[in-house]
PDB file of N, CA and C in Angstrom:
ATOM      1  N   UNK A   1       2.367  22.884  -3.621  1.00  0.00           N
ATOM      2  CA  UNK A   1       2.181  21.946  -2.196  1.00  0.00           C
ATOM      3  C   UNK A   1       1.813  23.397  -1.186  1.00  0.00           C
ATOM      4  N   UNK A   2       0.908  22.804  -0.563  1.00  0.00           N
ATOM      5  CA  UNK A   2       0.457  23.661   0.886  1.00  0.00           C
ATOM      6  C   UNK A   2       1.065  22.979   1.988  1.00  0.00           C
ATOM      7  N   UNK A   3       1.671  23.880   2.716  1.00  0.00           N
ATOM      8  CA  UNK A   3       2.482  23.312   3.969  1.00  0.00           C
ATOM      9  C   UNK A   3       1.853  24.193   5.341  1.00  0.00           C
ATOM     10  N   UNK A   4       1.604  23.399   5.961  1.00  0.00           N
ATOM     11  CA  UNK A   4       0.768  23.923   7.254  1.00  0.00           C
ATOM     12  C   UNK A   4       1.807  23.680   8.355  1.00  0.00           C
ATOM     13  N   UNK A   5       2.016  24.368   9.472  1.00  0.00           N
ATOM     14  CA  UNK A   5       2.735  23.969  10.486  1.00  0.00           C
ATOM     15  C   UNK A   5       1.838  23.498  11.672  1.00  0.00           C
ATOM     16  N   UNK A   6       1.905  22.525  12.325  1.00  0.00           N
ATOM     17  CA  UNK A   6       1.030  22.343  13.456  1.00  0.00           C
ATOM     18  C   UNK A   6       1.386  22.850  14.558  1.00  0.00           C
ATOM     19  N   UNK A   7       0.751  23.549  15.215  1.00  0.00           N
ATOM     20  CA  UNK A   7       0.895  24.481  16.513  1.00  0.00           C
ATOM     21  C   UNK A   7       0.378  23.334  17.478  1.00  0.00           C
ATOM     22  N   UNK A   8      -0.605  22.991  17.656  1.00  0.00           N
ATOM     23  CA  UNK A   8      -1.609  22.116  18.581  1.00  0.00           C
ATOM     24  C   UNK A   8      -2.248  21.351  18.082  1.00  0.00           C
ATOM     25  N   UNK A   9      -2.299  19.905  18.571  1.00  0.00           N
ATOM     26  CA  UNK A   9      -3.456  19.365  17.971  1.00  0.00           C
ATOM     27  C   UNK A   9      -3.783  18.241  19.175  1.00  0.00           C
ATOM     28  N   UNK A  10      -5.059  18.467  19.839  1.00  0.00           N
ATOM     29  CA  UNK A  10      -5.285  17.952  20.846  1.00  0.00           C
ATOM     30  C   UNK A  10      -6.388  16.924  20.561  1.00  0.00           C
ATOM     31  N   UNK A  11      -6.659  15.732  21.222  1.00  0.00           N
ATOM     32  CA  UNK A  11      -7.404  14.467  21.078  1.00  0.00           C
ATOM     33  C   UNK A  11      -8.540  14.643  22.020  1.00  0.00           C
ATOM     34  N   UNK A  12      -9.905  14.633  21.158  1.00  0.00           N
ATOM     35  CA  UNK A  12     -11.056  14.508  21.997  1.00  0.00           C
ATOM     36  C   UNK A  12     -11.672  13.168  22.021  1.00  0.00           C
ATOM     37  N   UNK A  13     -12.746  12.871  22.326  1.00  0.00           N
ATOM     38  CA  UNK A  13     -13.292  11.665  22.290  1.00  0.00           C
ATOM     39  C   UNK A  13     -13.067  10.869  21.230  1.00  0.00           C
ATOM     40  N   UNK A  14     -13.191  11.206  19.808  1.00  0.00           N
ATOM     41  CA  UNK A  14     -12.935  10.483  18.598  1.00  0.00           C
ATOM     42  C   UNK A  14     -12.888  11.172  17.743  1.00  0.00           C
ATOM     43  N   UNK A  15     -11.673  12.515  17.907  1.00  0.00           N
ATOM     44  CA  UNK A  15     -11.564  13.211  16.852  1.00  0.00           C
ATOM     45  C   UNK A  15     -10.042  14.292  17.303  1.00  0.00           C
ATOM     46  N   UNK A  16      -9.661  14.961  16.812  1.00  0.00           N
ATOM     47  CA  UNK A  16      -8.727  15.715  16.990  1.00  0.00           C
ATOM     48  C   UNK A  16      -8.958  17.084  16.774  1.00  0.00           C
ATOM     49  N   UNK A  17      -8.656  18.317  17.320  1.00  0.00           N
ATOM     50  CA  UNK A  17      -8.832  19.321  17.297  1.00  0.00           C
ATOM     51  C   UNK A  17      -7.701  20.279  17.745  1.00  0.00           C
ATOM     52  N   UNK A  18      -7.333  21.318  16.564  1.00  0.00           N
ATOM     53  CA  UNK A  18      -5.918  22.165  17.125  1.00  0.00           C
ATOM     54  C   UNK A  18      -5.827  23.656  16.413  1.00  0.00           C
ATOM     55  N   UNK A  19      -4.906  23.763  16.346  1.00  0.00           N
ATOM     56  CA  UNK A  19      -4.597  25.267  15.499  1.00  0.00           C
ATOM     57  C   UNK A  19      -3.307  24.913  14.547  1.00  0.00           C
ATOM     58  N   UNK A  20      -3.190  25.244  13.239  1.00  0.00           N
ATOM     59  CA  UNK A  20      -2.055  25.061  12.350  1.00  0.00           C
ATOM     60  C   UNK A  20      -1.963  26.708  11.732  1.00  0.00           C
ATOM     61  N   UNK A  21      -0.618  26.621  11.429  1.00  0.00           N
ATOM     62  CA  UNK A  21      -0.243  28.039  10.831  1.00  0.00           C
ATOM     63  C   UNK A  21       0.180  27.851   9.213  1.00  0.00           C
ATOM     64  N   UNK A  22      -0.181  28.599   8.539  1.00  0.00           N
ATOM     65  CA  UNK A  22       0.131  28.945   6.898  1.00  0.00           C
ATOM     66  C   UNK A  22       0.255  30.059   6.411  1.00  0.00           C
ATOM     67  N   UNK A  23       1.380  30.678   6.057  1.00  0.00           N
ATOM     68  CA  UNK A  23       1.756  31.889   5.885  1.00  0.00           C
ATOM     69  C   UNK A  23       1.464  33.020   6.664  1.00  0.00           C
ATOM     70  N   UNK A  24       1.884  32.595   8.030  1.00  0.00           N
ATOM     71  CA  UNK A  24       1.721  33.947   9.071  1.00  0.00           C
ATOM     72  C   UNK A  24       0.240  33.757   9.257  1.00  0.00           C
ATOM     73  N   UNK A  25      -0.510  32.823   8.532  1.00  0.00           N
ATOM     74  CA  UNK A  25      -2.170  32.966   9.064  1.00  0.00           C
ATOM     75  C   UNK A  25      -2.457  31.736  10.300  1.00  0.00           C
ATOM     76  N   UNK A  26      -3.186  31.833  11.009  1.00  0.00           N
ATOM     77  CA  UNK A  26      -3.559  30.776  11.794  1.00  0.00           C
ATOM     78  C   UNK A  26      -4.923  30.291  11.608  1.00  0.00           C
ATOM     79  N   UNK A  27      -5.160  29.020  11.649  1.00  0.00           N
ATOM     80  CA  UNK A  27      -6.234  28.349  11.282  1.00  0.00           C
ATOM     81  C   UNK A  27      -6.770  27.157  12.456  1.00  0.00           C
ATOM     82  N   UNK A  28      -7.867  26.686  12.451  1.00  0.00           N
ATOM     83  CA  UNK A  28      -8.440  25.692  13.306  1.00  0.00           C
ATOM     84  C   UNK A  28      -8.191  24.659  12.292  1.00  0.00           C
ATOM     85  N   UNK A  29      -8.077  23.441  12.997  1.00  0.00           N
ATOM     86  CA  UNK A  29      -8.163  21.751  12.358  1.00  0.00           C
ATOM     87  C   UNK A  29      -8.771  21.122  13.040  1.00  0.00           C
ATOM     88  N   UNK A  30      -9.517  20.201  12.256  1.00  0.00           N
ATOM     89  CA  UNK A  30     -10.319  19.169  12.730  1.00  0.00           C
ATOM     90  C   UNK A  30      -9.883  18.107  11.855  1.00  0.00           C
ATOM     91  N   UNK A  31      -9.428  17.010  12.859  1.00  0.00           N
ATOM     92  CA  UNK A  31      -9.455  15.825  11.948  1.00  0.00           C
ATOM     93  C   UNK A  31     -10.442  14.715  12.718  1.00  0.00           C
ATOM     94  N   UNK A  32     -10.793  13.771  11.623  1.00  0.00           N
ATOM     95  CA  UNK A  32     -12.024  12.738  12.395  1.00  0.00           C
ATOM     96  C   UNK A  32     -11.984  11.558  11.356  1.00  0.00           C
ATOM     97  N   UNK A  33     -12.831  10.604  11.983  1.00  0.00           N
ATOM     98  CA  UNK A  33     -12.767   9.505  11.119  1.00  0.00           C
ATOM     99  C   UNK A  33     -13.621   9.702  10.008  1.00  0.00           C
ATOM    100  N   UNK A  34     -13.816   8.676   9.096  1.00  0.00           N
ATOM    101  CA  UNK A  34     -14.508   8.996   8.034  1.00  0.00           C
ATOM    102  C   UNK A  34     -16.290   8.524   8.227  1.00  0.00           C
ATOM    103  N   UNK A  35     -16.849   9.140   8.927  1.00  0.00           N
ATOM    104  CA  UNK A  35     -18.192   9.023   9.021  1.00  0.00           C
ATOM    105  C   UNK A  35     -19.046   9.586   7.776  1.00  0.00           C
ATOM    106  N   UNK A  36     -18.480  10.601   7.280  1.00  0.00           N
ATOM    107  CA  UNK A  36     -19.339  11.041   6.274  1.00  0.00           C
ATOM    108  C   UNK A  36     -18.341  10.886   4.942  1.00  0.00           C
ATOM    109  N   UNK A  37     -17.353  10.051   5.122  1.00  0.00           N
ATOM    110  CA  UNK A  37     -16.473   9.481   3.786  1.00  0.00           C
ATOM    111  C   UNK A  37     -15.350  10.555   4.195  1.00  0.00           C
ATOM    112  N   UNK A  38     -14.545   9.759   3.275  1.00  0.00           N
ATOM    113  CA  UNK A  38     -13.217  11.017   3.133  1.00  0.00           C
ATOM    114  C   UNK A  38     -13.325  12.077   2.641  1.00  0.00           C
ATOM    115  N   UNK A  39     -12.974  13.113   3.103  1.00  0.00           N
ATOM    116  CA  UNK A  39     -12.933  14.807   3.269  1.00  0.00           C
ATOM    117  C   UNK A  39     -11.721  15.548   3.657  1.00  0.00           C
ATOM    118  N   UNK A  40     -11.521  16.304   2.331  1.00  0.00           N
ATOM    119  CA  UNK A  40     -10.483  17.655   2.789  1.00  0.00           C
ATOM    120  C   UNK A  40     -11.545  18.767   2.596  1.00  0.00           C
ATOM    121  N   UNK A  41     -11.069  19.678   3.351  1.00  0.00           N
ATOM    122  CA  UNK A  41     -11.818  21.057   3.420  1.00  0.00           C
ATOM    123  C   UNK A  41     -11.019  22.045   3.445  1.00  0.00           C
ATOM    124  N   UNK A  42     -10.847  23.140   3.076  1.00  0.00           N
ATOM    125  CA  UNK A  42      -9.493  23.842   3.245  1.00  0.00           C
ATOM    126  C   UNK A  42     -10.010  25.450   3.878  1.00  0.00           C
ATOM    127  N   UNK A  43      -9.514  26.142   4.431  1.00  0.00           N
ATOM    128  CA  UNK A  43      -9.897  27.452   4.740  1.00  0.00           C
ATOM    129  C   UNK A  43      -9.648  28.587   3.787  1.00  0.00           C
ATOM    130  N   UNK A  44      -9.520  28.493   2.574  1.00  0.00           N
ATOM    131  CA  UNK A  44      -9.602  29.253   1.903  1.00  0.00           C
ATOM    132  C   UNK A  44      -9.502  28.437   0.429  1.00  0.00           C
ATOM    133  N   UNK A  45     -10.027  29.385  -0.450  1.00  0.00           N
ATOM    134  CA  UNK A  45     -10.153  28.734  -2.140  1.00  0.00           C
ATOM    135  C   UNK A  45      -8.831  28.046  -2.637  1.00  0.00           C
ATOM    136  N   UNK A  46      -8.546  26.893  -3.527  1.00  0.00           N
ATOM    137  CA  UNK A  46      -7.562  26.779  -4.004  1.00  0.00           C
ATOM    138  C   UNK A  46      -7.636  26.591  -5.690  1.00  0.00           C
ATOM    139  N   UNK A  47      -6.626  26.835  -6.201  1.00  0.00           N
ATOM    140  CA  UNK A  47      -6.582  27.099  -7.882  1.00  0.00           C
ATOM    141  C   UNK A  47      -6.042  25.833  -8.363  1.00  0.00           C
ATOM    142  N   UNK A  48      -6.987  24.922  -8.153  1.00  0.00           N
ATOM    143  CA  UNK A  48      -6.509  23.783  -8.936  1.00  0.00           C
ATOM    144  C   UNK A  48      -7.533  23.132  -9.441  1.00  0.00           C
ATOM    145  N   UNK A  49      -7.234  22.447 -10.667  1.00  0.00           N
ATOM    146  CA  UNK A  49      -8.447  21.435 -11.471  1.00  0.00           C
ATOM    147  C   UNK A  49      -8.506  20.131 -10.428  1.00  0.00           C
ATOM    148  N   UNK A  50      -7.522  19.767  -9.842  1.00  0.00           N
ATOM    149  CA  UNK A  50      -7.247  18.276  -9.056  1.00  0.00           C
ATOM    150  C   UNK A  50      -8.710  18.458  -8.213  1.00  0.00           C
ATOM    151  N   UNK A  51      -9.426  17.125  -8.231  1.00  0.00           N
ATOM    152  CA  UNK A  51     -10.478  16.930  -7.366  1.00  0.00           C
ATOM    153  C   UNK A  51     -10.075  16.135  -6.025  1.00  0.00           C
ATOM    154  N   UNK A  52      -8.763  15.326  -6.124  1.00  0.00           N
ATOM    155  CA  UNK A  52      -8.294  15.003  -5.134  1.00  0.00           C
ATOM    156  C   UNK A  52      -6.751  15.342  -4.666  1.00  0.00           C
ATOM    157  N   UNK A  53      -6.568  15.314  -3.247  1.00  0.00           N
ATOM    158  CA  UNK A  53      -5.099  15.486  -3.011  1.00  0.00           C
ATOM    159  C   UNK A  53      -4.337  14.354  -2.173  1.00  0.00           C
ATOM    160  N   UNK A  54      -3.264  14.458  -2.126  1.00  0.00           N
ATOM    161  CA  UNK A  54      -2.562  13.745  -0.928  1.00  0.00           C
ATOM    162  C   UNK A  54      -2.377  14.570   0.022  1.00  0.00           C
ATOM    163  N   UNK A  55      -2.784  13.668   1.330  1.00  0.00           N
ATOM    164  CA  UNK A  55      -2.425  14.528   2.755  1.00  0.00           C
ATOM    165  C   UNK A  55      -1.567  13.880   3.189  1.00  0.00           C
ATOM    166  N   UNK A  56      -0.408  14.874   3.541  1.00  0.00           N
ATOM    167  CA  UNK A  56       0.579  13.970   4.377  1.00  0.00           C
ATOM    168  C   UNK A  56       0.938  14.722   5.779  1.00  0.00           C
ATOM    169  N   UNK A  57       0.831  13.928   6.964  1.00  0.00           N
ATOM    170  CA  UNK A  57       1.097  14.455   8.452  1.00  0.00           C
ATOM    171  C   UNK A  57       2.746  13.964   8.311  1.00  0.00           C
ATOM    172  N   UNK A  58       3.453  14.869   8.474  1.00  0.00           N
ATOM    173  CA  UNK A  58       5.071  14.526   8.652  1.00  0.00           C
ATOM    174  C   UNK A  58       5.637  14.538   9.903  1.00  0.00           C
ATOM    175  N   UNK A  59       6.517  14.165  10.652  1.00  0.00           N
ATOM    176  CA  UNK A  59       7.501  14.580  12.043  1.00  0.00           C
ATOM    177  C   UNK A  59       8.524  14.044  11.466  1.00  0.00           C
ATOM    178  N   UNK A  60       9.624  14.268  12.625  1.00  0.00           N
ATOM    179  CA  UNK A  60      10.948  13.838  12.462  1.00  0.00           C
ATOM    180  C   UNK A  60      11.519  12.554  12.517  1.00  0.00           C
ATOM    181  N   UNK A  61      12.321  12.177  11.858  1.00  0.00           N
ATOM    182  CA  UNK A  61      13.226  10.691  11.592  1.00  0.00           C
ATOM    183  C   UNK A  61      12.204   9.830  10.711  1.00  0.00           C
ATOM    184  N   UNK A  62      11.506  10.925   9.561  1.00  0.00           N
ATOM    185  CA  UNK A  62      10.717  10.328   8.492  1.00  0.00           C
ATOM    186  C   UNK A  62       9.680   9.354   8.887  1.00  0.00           C
ATOM    187  N   UNK A  63       8.985  10.370  10.152  1.00  0.00           N
ATOM    188  CA  UNK A  63       7.579   9.599  10.493  1.00  0.00           C
ATOM    189  C   UNK A  63       6.496  10.389   9.648  1.00  0.00           C
ATOM    190  N   UNK A  64       5.648   9.623   9.198  1.00  0.00           N
ATOM    191  CA  UNK A  64       4.534  10.030   8.349  1.00  0.00           C
ATOM    192  C   UNK A  64       3.595   9.168   8.237  1.00  0.00           C
ATOM    193  N   UNK A  65       2.054  10.050   7.759  1.00  0.00           N
ATOM    194  CA  UNK A  65       1.089   9.140   7.186  1.00  0.00           C
ATOM    195  C   UNK A  65       0.296   9.771   6.535  1.00  0.00           C
ATOM    196  N   UNK A  66      -0.021   9.177   5.350  1.00  0.00           N
ATOM    197  CA  UNK A  66      -0.651  10.031   4.272  1.00  0.00           C
ATOM    198  C   UNK A  66      -2.336   9.362   3.639  1.00  0.00           C
ATOM    199  N   UNK A  67      -2.630   9.910   3.070  1.00  0.00           N
ATOM    200  CA  UNK A  67      -3.981   9.483   2.597  1.00  0.00           C
ATOM    201  C   UNK A  67      -4.639  10.267   1.355  1.00  0.00           C
ATOM    202  N   UNK A  68      -4.935   9.853   0.638  1.00  0.00           N
ATOM    203  CA  UNK A  68      -5.496  10.380  -0.741  1.00  0.00           C
ATOM    204  C   UNK A  68      -7.221  10.783  -0.728  1.00  0.00           C
ATOM    205  N   UNK A  69      -7.348  11.944  -0.434  1.00  0.00           N
ATOM    206  CA  UNK A  69      -8.848  12.670  -0.256  1.00  0.00           C
ATOM    207  C   UNK A  69      -9.342  13.448  -1.400  1.00  0.00           C
ATOM    208  N   UNK A  70     -10.622  13.542  -1.208  1.00  0.00           N
ATOM    209  CA  UNK A  70     -11.264  14.375  -2.350  1.00  0.00           C
ATOM    210  C   UNK A  70     -11.252  15.486  -1.590  1.00  0.00           C
ATOM    211  N   UNK A  71     -11.247  16.823  -2.203  1.00  0.00           N
ATOM    212  CA  UNK A  71     -11.308  17.982  -2.052  1.00  0.00           C
ATOM    213  C   UNK A  71     -12.761  18.559  -2.248  1.00  0.00           C
ATOM    214  N   UNK A  72     -13.176  18.673  -0.869  1.00  0.00           N
ATOM    215  CA  UNK A  72     -14.854  19.185  -0.725  1.00  0.00           C
ATOM    216  C   UNK A  72     -14.916  20.531  -0.673  1.00  0.00           C
ATOM    217  N   UNK A  73     -14.242  21.457  -0.926  1.00  0.00           N
ATOM    218  CA  UNK A  73     -14.551  22.988  -0.930  1.00  0.00           C
ATOM    219  C   UNK A  73     -13.979  23.799   0.241  1.00  0.00           C
ATOM    220  N   UNK A  74     -14.519  24.772   0.679  1.00  0.00           N
ATOM    221  CA  UNK A  74     -14.092  25.577   1.495  1.00  0.00           C
ATOM    222  C   UNK A  74     -14.750  25.484   2.808  1.00  0.00           C
ATOM    223  N   UNK A  75     -13.989  25.661   3.834  1.00  0.00           N
ATOM    224  CA  UNK A  75     -14.451  26.011   5.152  1.00  0.00           C
ATOM    225  C   UNK A  75     -14.107  26.710   5.913  1.00  0.00           C
ATOM    226  N   UNK A  76     -14.377  27.114   6.930  1.00  0.00           N
ATOM    227  CA  UNK A  76     -13.892  28.202   8.094  1.00  0.00           C
ATOM    228  C   UNK A  76     -12.293  27.455   8.888  1.00  0.00           C
ATOM    229  N   UNK A  77     -12.420  25.800   8.466  1.00  0.00           N
ATOM    230  CA  UNK A  77     -11.389  25.521   9.130  1.00  0.00           C
ATOM    231  C   UNK A  77     -10.472  24.377   8.150  1.00  0.00           C
ATOM    232  N   UNK A  78      -9.437  23.670   8.589  1.00  0.00           N
ATOM    233  CA  UNK A  78      -9.146  22.919   7.941  1.00  0.00           C
ATOM    234  C   UNK A  78      -9.711  21.725   8.512  1.00  0.00           C
ATOM    235  N   UNK A  79     -10.243  20.700   7.473  1.00  0.00           N
ATOM    236  CA  UNK A  79     -10.965  19.640   8.138  1.00  0.00           C
ATOM    237  C   UNK A  79     -10.624  18.591   7.198  1.00  0.00           C
ATOM    238  N   UNK A  80     -10.121  17.310   8.065  1.00  0.00           N
ATOM    239  CA  UNK A  80      -9.595  16.215   7.182  1.00  0.00           C
ATOM    240  C   UNK A  80     -10.549  15.145   7.854  1.00  0.00           C
ATOM    241  N   UNK A  81     -11.103  14.238   7.294  1.00  0.00           N
ATOM    242  CA  UNK A  81     -11.755  13.148   7.646  1.00  0.00           C
ATOM    243  C   UNK A  81     -11.029  11.949   6.925  1.00  0.00           C
ATOM    244  N   UNK A  82     -10.477  11.133   7.650  1.00  0.00           N
ATOM    245  CA  UNK A  82      -9.635  10.142   7.184  1.00  0.00           C
ATOM    246  C   UNK A  82      -9.446   9.047   8.287  1.00  0.00           C
ATOM    247  N   UNK A  83      -9.987   7.710   7.944  1.00  0.00           N
ATOM    248  CA  UNK A  83      -9.623   6.910   9.009  1.00  0.00           C
ATOM    249  C   UNK A  83      -7.958   6.585   9.272  1.00  0.00           C
ATOM    250  N   UNK A  84      -7.298   6.482   8.342  1.00  0.00           N
ATOM    251  CA  UNK A  84      -5.718   6.247   8.257  1.00  0.00           C
ATOM    252  C   UNK A  84      -5.274   7.294   9.173  1.00  0.00           C
ATOM    253  N   UNK A  85      -5.292   8.147   8.913  1.00  0.00           N
ATOM    254  CA  UNK A  85      -5.026   9.875   9.290  1.00  0.00           C
ATOM    255  C   UNK A  85      -5.253   9.784  10.812  1.00  0.00           C
ATOM    256  N   UNK A  86      -6.418   9.457  11.219  1.00  0.00           N
ATOM    257  CA  UNK A  86      -7.173   9.705  12.543  1.00  0.00           C
ATOM    258  C   UNK A  86      -6.426   8.389  13.078  1.00  0.00           C
ATOM    259  N   UNK A  87      -6.370   7.380  12.927  1.00  0.00           N
ATOM    260  CA  UNK A  87      -5.869   6.251  13.735  1.00  0.00           C
ATOM    261  C   UNK A  87      -4.485   6.445  13.999  1.00  0.00           C
ATOM    262  N   UNK A  88      -3.658   6.875  12.845  1.00  0.00           N
ATOM    263  CA  UNK A  88      -2.511   6.786  13.111  1.00  0.00           C
ATOM    264  C   UNK A  88      -1.999   8.154  14.005  1.00  0.00           C
ATOM    265  N   UNK A  89      -2.838   9.196  14.081  1.00  0.00           N
ATOM    266  CA  UNK A  89      -2.556  10.470  15.056  1.00  0.00           C
ATOM    267  C   UNK A  89      -2.693   9.795  16.498  1.00  0.00           C
ATOM    268  N   UNK A  90      -3.703   8.694  16.834  1.00  0.00           N
ATOM    269  CA  UNK A  90      -3.841   8.365  18.108  1.00  0.00           C
ATOM    270  C   UNK A  90      -2.798   7.812  18.876  1.00  0.00           C
ATOM    271  N   UNK A  91      -1.892   6.958  17.980  1.00  0.00           N
ATOM    272  CA  UNK A  91      -0.788   6.654  18.640  1.00  0.00           C
ATOM    273  C   UNK A  91       0.495   7.975  18.679  1.00  0.00           C
ATOM    274  N   UNK A  92       0.539   8.852  17.466  1.00  0.00           N
ATOM    275  CA  UNK A  92       1.501   9.634  17.397  1.00  0.00           C
ATOM    276  C   UNK A  92       1.391  10.916  17.161  1.00  0.00           C
ATOM    277  N   UNK A  93       0.310  11.517  17.641  1.00  0.00           N
ATOM    278  CA  UNK A  93       0.012  13.098  17.893  1.00  0.00           C
ATOM    279  C   UNK A  93       0.921  14.009  18.138  1.00  0.00           C
ATOM    280  N   UNK A  94       1.860  13.604  19.158  1.00  0.00           N
ATOM    281  CA  UNK A  94       2.666  14.874  19.538  1.00  0.00           C
ATOM    282  C   UNK A  94       3.958  14.667  18.755  1.00  0.00           C
ATOM    283  N   UNK A  95       4.068  13.765  17.969  1.00  0.00           N
ATOM    284  CA  UNK A  95       5.361  13.502  17.218  1.00  0.00           C
ATOM    285  C   UNK A  95       5.148  13.942  15.651  1.00  0.00           C
ATOM    286  N   UNK A  96       4.114  14.660  15.238  1.00  0.00           N
ATOM    287  CA  UNK A  96       3.920  15.128  14.127  1.00  0.00           C
ATOM    288  C   UNK A  96       4.152  16.536  13.869  1.00  0.00           C
ATOM    289  N   UNK A  97       4.609  17.464  13.221  1.00  0.00           N
ATOM    290  CA  UNK A  97       4.996  18.751  13.057  1.00  0.00           C
ATOM    291  C   UNK A  97       4.273  19.375  11.911  1.00  0.00           C
ATOM    292  N   UNK A  98       3.851  18.821  10.865  1.00  0.00           N
ATOM    293  CA  UNK A  98       3.381  19.732   9.638  1.00  0.00           C
ATOM    294  C   UNK A  98       2.683  18.756   8.758  1.00  0.00           C
ATOM    295  N   UNK A  99       1.776  19.478   8.144  1.00  0.00           N
ATOM    296  CA  UNK A  99       0.725  18.982   7.354  1.00  0.00           C
ATOM    297  C   UNK A  99       1.279  19.323   5.711  1.00  0.00           C
ATOM    298  N   UNK A 100       1.429  18.513   4.771  1.00  0.00           N
ATOM    299  CA  UNK A 100       1.422  18.965   3.351  1.00  0.00           C
ATOM    300  C   UNK A 100       0.287  18.360   2.551  1.00  0.00           C
ATOM    301  N   UNK A 101      -0.349  19.138   1.560  1.00  0.00           N
ATOM    302  CA  UNK A 101      -1.175  18.823   0.811  1.00  0.00           C
ATOM    303  C   UNK A 101      -0.811  19.161  -0.398  1.00  0.00           C
ATOM    304  N   UNK A 102      -0.899  18.165  -1.438  1.00  0.00           N
ATOM    305  CA  UNK A 102      -0.241  18.108  -2.858  1.00  0.00           C
ATOM    306  C   UNK A 102      -1.119  17.531  -3.879  1.00  0.00           C
ATOM    307  N   UNK A 103      -0.988  18.170  -4.772  1.00  0.00           N
ATOM    308  CA  UNK A 103      -1.827  17.961  -5.581  1.00  0.00           C
ATOM    309  C   UNK A 103      -1.254  17.168  -7.072  1.00  0.00           C
ATOM    310  N   UNK A 104      -0.018  16.749  -6.724  1.00  0.00           N
ATOM    311  CA  UNK A 104       0.758  15.936  -7.851  1.00  0.00           C
ATOM    312  C   UNK A 104       0.721  14.641  -7.633  1.00  0.00           C
TER     313      UNK A 104
END
């Protein structure tokens, strides 16, 4: 499992942009709806045979949202395109603190 700590996540017109921390490294994050379909791109290569991952945003008091996203390769940023996650973030963006990416 990969676990990213959300440092900052701000809403813009129809997407979210911010910064996450992973193992003492900081990366930009972009979360948006599925204009190009469901997408997961990571800022580093992954050593997994899986082609889809569970992406879960979590916060205190068992607050979470998750979606099953296809891995679409490497990017400079953490990119997540998911209607379910984007719409949930619109109501709960300041209440979520972690992003978990699981291949189980």
